[in-house]
C-alpha atoms as a PDB file:
ATOM      1  CA  UNK A   1     -17.097  -2.259  -4.961  1.00  0.00           C
ATOM      2  CA  UNK A   2     -18.089  -3.000  -8.508  1.00  0.00           C
ATOM      3  CA  UNK A   3     -16.565  -4.563 -11.585  1.00  0.00           C
ATOM      4  CA  UNK A   4     -16.185  -2.018 -14.374  1.00  0.00           C
ATOM      5  CA  UNK A   5     -14.711  -1.914 -17.857  1.00  0.00           C
ATOM      6  CA  UNK A   6     -12.407   0.975 -18.639  1.00  0.00           C
ATOM      7  CA  UNK A   7      -9.566   1.935 -20.915  1.00  0.00           C
ATOM      8  CA  UNK A   8      -6.938   4.631 -20.999  1.00  0.00           C
ATOM      9  CA  UNK A   9      -9.280   7.073 -22.764  1.00  0.00           C
ATOM     10  CA  UNK A  10     -11.734   6.830 -19.860  1.00  0.00           C
ATOM     11  CA  UNK A  11      -9.019   7.991 -17.461  1.00  0.00           C
ATOM     12  CA  UNK A  12      -7.492  10.630 -19.751  1.00  0.00           C
ATOM     13  CA  UNK A  13     -10.889  12.147 -20.581  1.00  0.00           C
ATOM     14  CA  UNK A  14     -11.748  12.355 -16.878  1.00  0.00           C
ATOM     15  CA  UNK A  15      -8.465  14.049 -15.984  1.00  0.00           C
ATOM     16  CA  UNK A  16      -8.791  16.473 -18.894  1.00  0.00           C
ATOM     17  CA  UNK A  17     -12.345  17.423 -17.867  1.00  0.00           C
ATOM     18  CA  UNK A  18     -11.119  20.086 -15.457  1.00  0.00           C
ATOM     19  CA  UNK A  19     -14.495  20.688 -13.845  1.00  0.00           C
ATOM     20  CA  UNK A  20     -15.199  17.011 -13.073  1.00  0.00           C
ATOM     21  CA  UNK A  21     -11.627  16.286 -12.039  1.00  0.00           C
ATOM     22  CA  UNK A  22     -11.351  19.379  -9.818  1.00  0.00           C
ATOM     23  CA  UNK A  23     -14.606  18.559  -8.009  1.00  0.00           C
ATOM     24  CA  UNK A  24     -13.415  14.994  -7.385  1.00  0.00           C
ATOM     25  CA  UNK A  25     -10.011  16.184  -6.164  1.00  0.00           C
ATOM     26  CA  UNK A  26     -11.557  18.781  -3.844  1.00  0.00           C
ATOM     27  CA  UNK A  27     -14.000  16.221  -2.413  1.00  0.00           C
ATOM     28  CA  UNK A  28     -11.278  13.628  -1.737  1.00  0.00           C
ATOM     29  CA  UNK A  29      -8.927  16.246  -0.289  1.00  0.00           C
ATOM     30  CA  UNK A  30     -11.648  17.545   2.054  1.00  0.00           C
ATOM     31  CA  UNK A  31     -12.388  13.973   3.157  1.00  0.00           C
ATOM     32  CA  UNK A  32      -8.719  13.329   3.936  1.00  0.00           C
ATOM     33  CA  UNK A  33      -8.118  16.693   5.645  1.00  0.00           C
ATOM     34  CA  UNK A  34      -9.556  15.577   8.973  1.00  0.00           C
ATOM     35  CA  UNK A  35      -8.286  18.578  10.945  1.00  0.00           C
ATOM     36  CA  UNK A  36      -9.617  20.992   8.274  1.00  0.00           C
ATOM     37  CA  UNK A  37      -6.425  23.046   8.084  1.00  0.00           C
ATOM     38  CA  UNK A  38      -6.274  22.954   4.276  1.00  0.00           C
ATOM     39  CA  UNK A  39      -3.200  20.709   4.299  1.00  0.00           C
ATOM     40  CA  UNK A  40      -2.654  16.970   4.416  1.00  0.00           C
ATOM     41  CA  UNK A  41      -0.205  15.791   7.023  1.00  0.00           C
ATOM     42  CA  UNK A  42       1.698  12.543   6.705  1.00  0.00           C
ATOM     43  CA  UNK A  43      -0.751  10.920   9.138  1.00  0.00           C
ATOM     44  CA  UNK A  44      -3.792  12.070   7.144  1.00  0.00           C
ATOM     45  CA  UNK A  45      -2.423  10.804   3.836  1.00  0.00           C
ATOM     46  CA  UNK A  46      -1.097   7.638   5.473  1.00  0.00           C
ATOM     47  CA  UNK A  47      -4.633   6.591   6.468  1.00  0.00           C
ATOM     48  CA  UNK A  48      -5.666   6.750   2.809  1.00  0.00           C
ATOM     49  CA  UNK A  49      -2.608   4.851   1.604  1.00  0.00           C
ATOM     50  CA  UNK A  50      -3.069   2.158   4.248  1.00  0.00           C
ATOM     51  CA  UNK A  51      -6.749   1.748   3.395  1.00  0.00           C
ATOM     52  CA  UNK A  52      -5.760   0.762  -0.151  1.00  0.00           C
ATOM     53  CA  UNK A  53      -3.863  -2.248   1.251  1.00  0.00           C
ATOM     54  CA  UNK A  54      -1.875  -2.508  -1.957  1.00  0.00           C
ATOM     55  CA  UNK A  55       1.226  -3.787  -0.212  1.00  0.00           C
ATOM     56  CA  UNK A  56      -0.431  -6.034   2.375  1.00  0.00           C
ATOM     57  CA  UNK A  57      -2.280  -8.273  -0.065  1.00  0.00           C
ATOM     58  CA  UNK A  58      -1.357 -10.451  -2.997  1.00  0.00           C
ATOM     59  CA  UNK A  59      -4.310 -11.119  -5.288  1.00  0.00           C
ATOM     60  CA  UNK A  60      -6.662 -10.391  -2.380  1.00  0.00           C
ATOM     61  CA  UNK A  61      -4.925 -12.665   0.121  1.00  0.00           C
ATOM     62  CA  UNK A  62      -3.275 -11.113   3.162  1.00  0.00           C
ATOM     63  CA  UNK A  63       0.498 -11.446   3.198  1.00  0.00           C
ATOM     64  CA  UNK A  64       3.016 -10.625   5.904  1.00  0.00           C
ATOM     65  CA  UNK A  65       4.855  -7.471   4.907  1.00  0.00           C
ATOM     66  CA  UNK A  66       7.893  -6.140   6.739  1.00  0.00           C
ATOM     67  CA  UNK A  67       6.730  -3.060   8.711  1.00  0.00           C
ATOM     68  CA  UNK A  68       9.987  -1.217   7.900  1.00  0.00           C
ATOM     69  CA  UNK A  69       9.457  -1.863   4.188  1.00  0.00           C
ATOM     70  CA  UNK A  70       5.874  -0.586   4.439  1.00  0.00           C
ATOM     71  CA  UNK A  71       7.012   2.536   6.279  1.00  0.00           C
ATOM     72  CA  UNK A  72       9.602   3.222   3.579  1.00  0.00           C
ATOM     73  CA  UNK A  73       7.043   2.789   0.796  1.00  0.00           C
ATOM     74  CA  UNK A  74       4.491   5.050   2.494  1.00  0.00           C
ATOM     75  CA  UNK A  75       7.141   7.677   3.206  1.00  0.00           C
ATOM     76  CA  UNK A  76       8.269   7.583  -0.443  1.00  0.00           C
ATOM     77  CA  UNK A  77       4.688   8.046  -1.602  1.00  0.00           C
ATOM     78  CA  UNK A  78       4.205  10.996   0.730  1.00  0.00           C
ATOM     79  CA  UNK A  79       7.407  12.611  -0.564  1.00  0.00           C
ATOM     80  CA  UNK A  80       6.063  12.124  -4.093  1.00  0.00           C
ATOM     81  CA  UNK A  81       3.033  14.257  -3.180  1.00  0.00           C
ATOM     82  CA  UNK A  82       4.937  16.834  -1.085  1.00  0.00           C
ATOM     83  CA  UNK A  83       6.507  18.736  -3.996  1.00  0.00           C
ATOM     84  CA  UNK A  84       7.878  21.609  -1.903  1.00  0.00           C
ATOM     85  CA  UNK A  85       9.172  19.281   0.853  1.00  0.00           C
ATOM     86  CA  UNK A  86       7.525  21.269   3.644  1.00  0.00           C
ATOM     87  CA  UNK A  87       6.076  18.203   5.374  1.00  0.00           C
ATOM     88  CA  UNK A  88       2.476  18.760   4.220  1.00  0.00           C
ATOM     89  CA  UNK A  89       0.528  18.355   0.989  1.00  0.00           C
ATOM     90  CA  UNK A  90      -1.654  21.230  -0.164  1.00  0.00           C
ATOM     91  CA  UNK A  91      -4.578  20.942  -2.558  1.00  0.00           C
ATOM     92  CA  UNK A  92      -2.522  21.878  -5.623  1.00  0.00           C
ATOM     93  CA  UNK A  93       0.189  19.324  -4.822  1.00  0.00           C
ATOM     94  CA  UNK A  94      -2.483  16.676  -4.258  1.00  0.00           C
ATOM     95  CA  UNK A  95      -4.174  17.514  -7.561  1.00  0.00           C
ATOM     96  CA  UNK A  96      -0.918  17.609  -9.540  1.00  0.00           C
ATOM     97  CA  UNK A  97       0.377  14.300  -8.210  1.00  0.00           C
ATOM     98  CA  UNK A  98      -2.976  12.526  -8.488  1.00  0.00           C
ATOM     99  CA  UNK A  99      -3.267  13.713 -12.075  1.00  0.00           C
ATOM    100  CA  UNK A 100       0.255  12.528 -12.826  1.00  0.00           C
ATOM    101  CA  UNK A 101      -0.428   9.100 -11.308  1.00  0.00           C
ATOM    102  CA  UNK A 102      -3.708   8.697 -13.153  1.00  0.00           C
ATOM    103  CA  UNK A 103      -2.139   9.636 -16.492  1.00  0.00           C
ATOM    104  CA  UNK A 104       0.721   7.191 -15.841  1.00  0.00           C
ATOM    105  CA  UNK A 105      -1.872   4.491 -15.133  1.00  0.00           C
ATOM    106  CA  UNK A 106      -3.697   5.347 -18.358  1.00  0.00           C
ATOM    107  CA  UNK A 107      -0.431   5.244 -20.281  1.00  0.00           C
ATOM    108  CA  UNK A 108       0.342   1.805 -18.867  1.00  0.00           C
ATOM    109  CA  UNK A 109      -3.073   0.426 -19.747  1.00  0.00           C
ATOM    110  CA  UNK A 110      -2.847   1.014 -23.459  1.00  0.00           C
ATOM    111  CA  UNK A 111      -5.924   1.312 -25.643  1.00  0.00           C
ATOM    112  CA  UNK A 112      -7.621  -2.028 -24.955  1.00  0.00           C
ATOM    113  CA  UNK A 113     -10.388  -2.060 -22.330  1.00  0.00           C
ATOM    114  CA  UNK A 114      -9.801  -3.957 -19.085  1.00  0.00           C
ATOM    115  CA  UNK A 115     -12.105  -5.143 -16.333  1.00  0.00           C
ATOM    116  CA  UNK A 116     -11.268  -3.876 -12.865  1.00  0.00           C
ATOM    117  CA  UNK A 117     -12.799  -4.053  -9.425  1.00  0.00           C
ATOM    118  CA  UNK A 118     -13.261  -0.436  -8.332  1.00  0.00           C
ATOM    119  CA  UNK A 119     -14.019   1.056  -4.942  1.00  0.00           C
ATOM    120  CA  UNK A 120     -17.073   3.281  -4.714  1.00  0.00           C
ATOM    121  CA  UNK A 121     -15.971   6.899  -4.735  1.00  0.00           C
ATOM    122  CA  UNK A 122     -12.512   6.176  -6.155  1.00  0.00           C
ATOM    123  CA  UNK A 123     -11.149   8.374  -8.914  1.00  0.00           C
ATOM    124  CA  UNK A 124     -11.323   5.492 -11.380  1.00  0.00           C
ATOM    125  CA  UNK A 125     -14.938   4.792 -10.452  1.00  0.00           C
ATOM    126  CA  UNK A 126     -15.754   8.478 -10.962  1.00  0.00           C
ATOM    127  CA  UNK A 127     -14.041   8.358 -14.361  1.00  0.00           C
ATOM    128  CA  UNK A 128     -16.224   5.397 -15.383  1.00  0.00           C
ATOM    129  CA  UNK A 129     -19.375   7.086 -14.070  1.00  0.00           C
ATOM    130  CA  UNK A 130     -18.519  10.263 -15.985  1.00  0.00           C
ATOM    131  CA  UNK A 131     -18.060   8.296 -19.192  1.00  0.00           C
ATOM    132  CA  UNK A 132     -21.317   6.351 -18.659  1.00  0.00           C
ATOM    133  CA  UNK A 133     -23.224   9.598 -18.124  1.00  0.00           C
ATOM    134  CA  UNK A 134     -21.790  11.094 -21.310  1.00  0.00           C
ATOM    135  CA  UNK A 135     -22.651   7.969 -23.322  1.00  0.00           C
ATOM    136  CA  UNK A 136     -26.214   7.899 -21.966  1.00  0.00           C
ATOM    137  CA  UNK A 137     -26.810  11.548 -22.920  1.00  0.00           C
END
């Protein structure tokens, strides 16, 4: 983890850089696709969602969350990715939904920079690294 400064332009520029974004999407998808069938099952995507621990912590402190509520949230997120409702997420669905979520995040941030703690290898961290590389060049 590292503390980084980013703004909406950092995210938008990363998403619009098709080469950088596609490579990141393909890498993450391959990492999640543990059975290497080219599709993400609910169980494969669930591991990623659970690792984020967004719903089990409040400002970094563990909180008791109703398991039924968690299951409903995770199922809703999976449905959001599974555009054709076939029970799996293919690479294009994963890319489209990730892009949509990242652009929504950028839209919500506004134009002022914010400090965030970012996981190594996360899409936001890759966006910051891309921007830093471009600025250093």
